[in-house]
Amino acid sequence: MAKKSRRSFITSVLACVAFVAAAIWSWDLPVEDVLSYLVLLLVLLLVIIAAALAGGALLNWLRRRKK
């Protein structure tokens, strides 16, 4: 079962990379723009993860405090 899941993940990543490569080639996007968008998306993802961790910590604190 683990091999099938790993294969699915690798296939999904390759499809994603192929889609991005096709978009860059067909729309004549500069690679610098694509990299800047990628960095921006990674930063936004980190912000979302940090907000989720902070929300989870807050909920955990609220649940554990004594009334």
C-alpha atoms as a PDB file:
ATOM      1  CA  MET A   1       0.000   0.000   0.000  1.00  0.00           C
ATOM      2  CA  ALA A   2       2.815   2.425   0.787  1.00  0.00           C
ATOM      3  CA  LYS A   3       4.350   1.962  -2.659  1.00  0.00           C
ATOM      4  CA  LYS A   4       1.091   2.906  -4.385  1.00  0.00           C
ATOM      5  CA  SER A   5       0.733   6.015  -2.248  1.00  0.00           C
ATOM      6  CA  ARG A   6       4.328   7.016  -2.954  1.00  0.00           C
ATOM      7  CA  ARG A   7       3.794   6.452  -6.665  1.00  0.00           C
ATOM      8  CA  SER A   8       0.667   8.617  -6.596  1.00  0.00           C
ATOM      9  CA  PHE A   9       2.537  11.397  -4.830  1.00  0.00           C
ATOM     10  CA  ILE A  10       5.429  11.296  -7.295  1.00  0.00           C
ATOM     11  CA  THR A  11       2.992  11.282 -10.218  1.00  0.00           C
ATOM     12  CA  SER A  12       1.150  14.275  -8.791  1.00  0.00           C
ATOM     13  CA  VAL A  13       4.380  16.222  -8.286  1.00  0.00           C
ATOM     14  CA  LEU A  14       5.538  15.441 -11.830  1.00  0.00           C
ATOM     15  CA  ALA A  15       2.165  16.508 -13.248  1.00  0.00           C
ATOM     16  CA  CYS A  16       2.348  19.754 -11.285  1.00  0.00           C
ATOM     17  CA  VAL A  17       5.864  20.492 -12.520  1.00  0.00           C
ATOM     18  CA  ALA A  18       4.828  19.682 -16.092  1.00  0.00           C
ATOM     19  CA  PHE A  19       1.848  22.031 -15.843  1.00  0.00           C
ATOM     20  CA  VAL A  20       4.022  24.871 -14.544  1.00  0.00           C
ATOM     21  CA  ALA A  21       6.612  24.215 -17.257  1.00  0.00           C
ATOM     22  CA  ALA A  22       3.893  24.228 -19.929  1.00  0.00           C
ATOM     23  CA  ALA A  23       2.501  27.497 -18.566  1.00  0.00           C
ATOM     24  CA  ILE A  24       5.948  29.105 -18.592  1.00  0.00           C
ATOM     25  CA  TRP A  25       6.589  27.924 -22.149  1.00  0.00           C
ATOM     26  CA  SER A  26       3.170  28.717 -23.634  1.00  0.00           C
ATOM     27  CA  TRP A  27       2.715  32.121 -21.975  1.00  0.00           C
ATOM     28  CA  ASP A  28       6.381  33.151 -22.384  1.00  0.00           C
ATOM     29  CA  LEU A  29       6.678  33.937 -18.690  1.00  0.00           C
ATOM     30  CA  PRO A  30      10.083  35.058 -17.461  1.00  0.00           C
ATOM     31  CA  VAL A  31      11.578  32.548 -15.043  1.00  0.00           C
ATOM     32  CA  GLU A  32      12.324  35.393 -12.589  1.00  0.00           C
ATOM     33  CA  ASP A  33       8.595  36.180 -12.358  1.00  0.00           C
ATOM     34  CA  VAL A  34       7.754  32.530 -11.767  1.00  0.00           C
ATOM     35  CA  LEU A  35      10.367  32.279  -9.011  1.00  0.00           C
ATOM     36  CA  SER A  36       9.122  35.462  -7.356  1.00  0.00           C
ATOM     37  CA  TYR A  37       5.551  34.114  -7.415  1.00  0.00           C
ATOM     38  CA  LEU A  38       6.792  30.834  -5.964  1.00  0.00           C
ATOM     39  CA  VAL A  39       8.576  32.626  -3.119  1.00  0.00           C
ATOM     40  CA  LEU A  40       5.475  34.733  -2.464  1.00  0.00           C
ATOM     41  CA  LEU A  41       3.277  31.635  -2.336  1.00  0.00           C
ATOM     42  CA  LEU A  42       5.686  29.881   0.033  1.00  0.00           C
ATOM     43  CA  VAL A  43       5.682  32.898   2.352  1.00  0.00           C
ATOM     44  CA  LEU A  44       1.877  33.008   2.321  1.00  0.00           C
ATOM     45  CA  LEU A  45       1.785  29.281   3.048  1.00  0.00           C
ATOM     46  CA  LEU A  46       4.096  29.778   6.024  1.00  0.00           C
ATOM     47  CA  VAL A  47       1.835  32.580   7.302  1.00  0.00           C
ATOM     48  CA  ILE A  48      -1.205  30.324   7.030  1.00  0.00           C
ATOM     49  CA  ILE A  49       0.606  27.506   8.853  1.00  0.00           C
ATOM     50  CA  ALA A  50       1.735  29.881  11.598  1.00  0.00           C
ATOM     51  CA  ALA A  51      -1.818  31.206  11.995  1.00  0.00           C
ATOM     52  CA  ALA A  52      -3.157  27.648  12.235  1.00  0.00           C
ATOM     53  CA  LEU A  53      -0.572  26.752  14.872  1.00  0.00           C
ATOM     54  CA  ALA A  54      -1.381  29.892  16.853  1.00  0.00           C
ATOM     55  CA  GLY A  55      -5.114  29.164  16.619  1.00  0.00           C
ATOM     56  CA  GLY A  56      -4.547  25.594  17.762  1.00  0.00           C
ATOM     57  CA  ALA A  57      -2.431  26.746  20.683  1.00  0.00           C
ATOM     58  CA  LEU A  58      -5.097  29.274  21.664  1.00  0.00           C
ATOM     59  CA  LEU A  59      -7.850  26.661  21.509  1.00  0.00           C
ATOM     60  CA  ASN A  60      -5.717  24.255  23.531  1.00  0.00           C
ATOM     61  CA  TRP A  61      -5.079  26.938  26.145  1.00  0.00           C
ATOM     62  CA  LEU A  62      -8.770  27.864  26.323  1.00  0.00           C
ATOM     63  CA  ARG A  63      -9.748  24.217  26.718  1.00  0.00           C
ATOM     64  CA  ARG A  64      -7.249  23.534  29.505  1.00  0.00           C
ATOM     65  CA  ARG A  65      -7.845  26.609  31.645  1.00  0.00           C
ATOM     66  CA  LYS A  66      -9.996  26.219  34.711  1.00  0.00           C
ATOM     67  CA  LYS A  67     -13.352  27.893  34.818  1.00  0.00           C
END
